[in-house]
Amino acid sequence: MNVLNDAEIHELKEKLYQLGIEHRDLDDIVERLYEAAYVDQLQISRIKRRKLQIKDSMTRIESQLIPDLNA
């Protein structure tokens, strides 16, 4: 069981916030790439893969912030 202190909780929430911004920014980039005359599928694929990594990180952080129900 790992109990987080206030500083750790604040740090995780800040990281979650920053990841959310990056995830939304990547959404905007993908949208603009699809609107371009030439669509670079490889670049879009890489961005989507990064978005999935960010989403996984966000999910892990969110699970750390949920109190342990067995405690």
Protein backbone atom coordinates (compact mmCIF):
# COMPACT_ATOMS: atom_id res chain seq x y z
CA MET A 1 0.00 0.00 0.00
CA ASN A 2 1.42 3.34 -1.07
CA VAL A 3 -0.13 6.38 0.59
CA LEU A 4 0.59 9.64 -1.21
CA ASN A 5 1.31 12.86 0.61
CA ASP A 6 -0.10 16.23 -0.50
CA ALA A 7 3.02 17.17 -2.48
CA GLU A 8 2.96 13.87 -4.39
CA ILE A 9 -0.75 14.27 -5.14
CA HIS A 10 -0.17 17.81 -6.38
CA GLU A 11 2.73 16.62 -8.56
CA LEU A 12 0.63 13.82 -10.08
CA LYS A 13 -2.28 16.18 -10.77
CA GLU A 14 0.08 18.65 -12.45
CA LYS A 15 1.56 15.86 -14.60
CA LEU A 16 -1.96 14.71 -15.50
CA TYR A 17 -2.87 18.26 -16.50
CA GLN A 18 0.26 18.62 -18.67
CA LEU A 19 -0.36 15.27 -20.36
CA GLY A 20 -3.94 16.33 -21.09
CA ILE A 21 -2.69 19.49 -22.80
CA GLU A 22 -0.19 17.51 -24.87
CA HIS A 23 -2.90 15.00 -25.84
CA ARG A 24 -5.24 17.79 -27.02
CA ASP A 25 -2.39 19.48 -28.90
CA LEU A 26 -1.66 16.24 -30.74
CA ASP A 27 -5.37 15.99 -31.66
CA ASP A 28 -5.12 19.44 -33.24
CA ILE A 29 -1.97 18.47 -35.14
CA VAL A 30 -3.57 15.31 -36.53
CA GLU A 31 -6.62 17.29 -37.61
CA ARG A 32 -4.44 19.83 -39.44
CA LEU A 33 -2.40 17.07 -41.08
CA TYR A 34 -5.57 15.49 -42.48
CA GLU A 35 -6.55 18.88 -43.95
CA ALA A 36 -3.19 19.27 -45.72
CA ALA A 37 -2.82 18.71 -49.46
CA TYR A 38 -0.38 15.86 -48.79
CA VAL A 39 -1.24 13.54 -45.93
CA ASP A 40 1.80 11.93 -44.32
CA GLN A 41 0.33 8.71 -42.97
CA LEU A 42 3.58 7.75 -41.25
CA GLN A 43 3.67 11.02 -39.32
CA ILE A 44 0.01 10.68 -38.38
CA SER A 45 0.64 7.11 -37.23
CA ARG A 46 3.52 8.23 -35.02
CA ILE A 47 1.43 11.00 -33.48
CA LYS A 48 -1.44 8.61 -32.80
CA ARG A 49 0.97 6.16 -31.17
CA ARG A 50 2.26 9.00 -28.94
CA LYS A 51 -1.33 9.91 -28.07
CA LEU A 52 -1.91 6.31 -26.93
CA GLN A 53 1.22 6.44 -24.78
CA ILE A 54 0.01 9.66 -23.21
CA LYS A 55 -3.44 8.19 -22.57
CA ASP A 56 -1.85 5.15 -20.91
CA SER A 57 0.24 7.44 -18.70
CA MET A 58 -2.85 9.45 -17.80
CA THR A 59 -4.72 6.27 -16.86
CA ARG A 60 -1.85 5.12 -14.62
CA ILE A 61 -1.72 8.50 -12.86
CA GLU A 62 -5.49 8.56 -12.40
CA SER A 63 -5.37 5.10 -10.82
CA GLN A 64 -2.64 6.31 -8.43
CA LEU A 65 -4.88 9.18 -7.36
CA ILE A 66 -7.81 6.90 -6.52
CA PRO A 67 -7.71 5.96 -2.84
CA ASP A 68 -7.17 2.27 -2.09
CA LEU A 69 -10.58 0.89 -1.20
CA ASN A 70 -9.04 -1.90 0.88
CA ALA A 71 -7.26 0.54 3.17
